[in-house]
Amino acid sequence: MAKKLSYDSAFAELNQILESLQSQETGLDEMSEKLKRAAELSTFCKERLRTIEAEIEKSSLSIQQDPSDA
């Protein structure tokens, strides 16, 4: 079973792929696979950031509406 992906590990892997592609030592077949994986990781990171943003916004609204702070 695959290890659960975290934002930090996805971002780190995405950076490793970028460095590998920039080194220009990647063959065409490997480059294709890395680009596919980079697209998957990018989508995951974007979705995770949106989720975190929504959670922060919800928490912020909750704090602002909390009458016990007054």
Foldseek 3Di string as FASTA:
>chain_A
DDDDDDLVVLVVLLVVLVVVVVVVPDDPVRNVVSVVSNVVSVVVNVVVVVVVVVVVVVVVVVVVPDPVVD
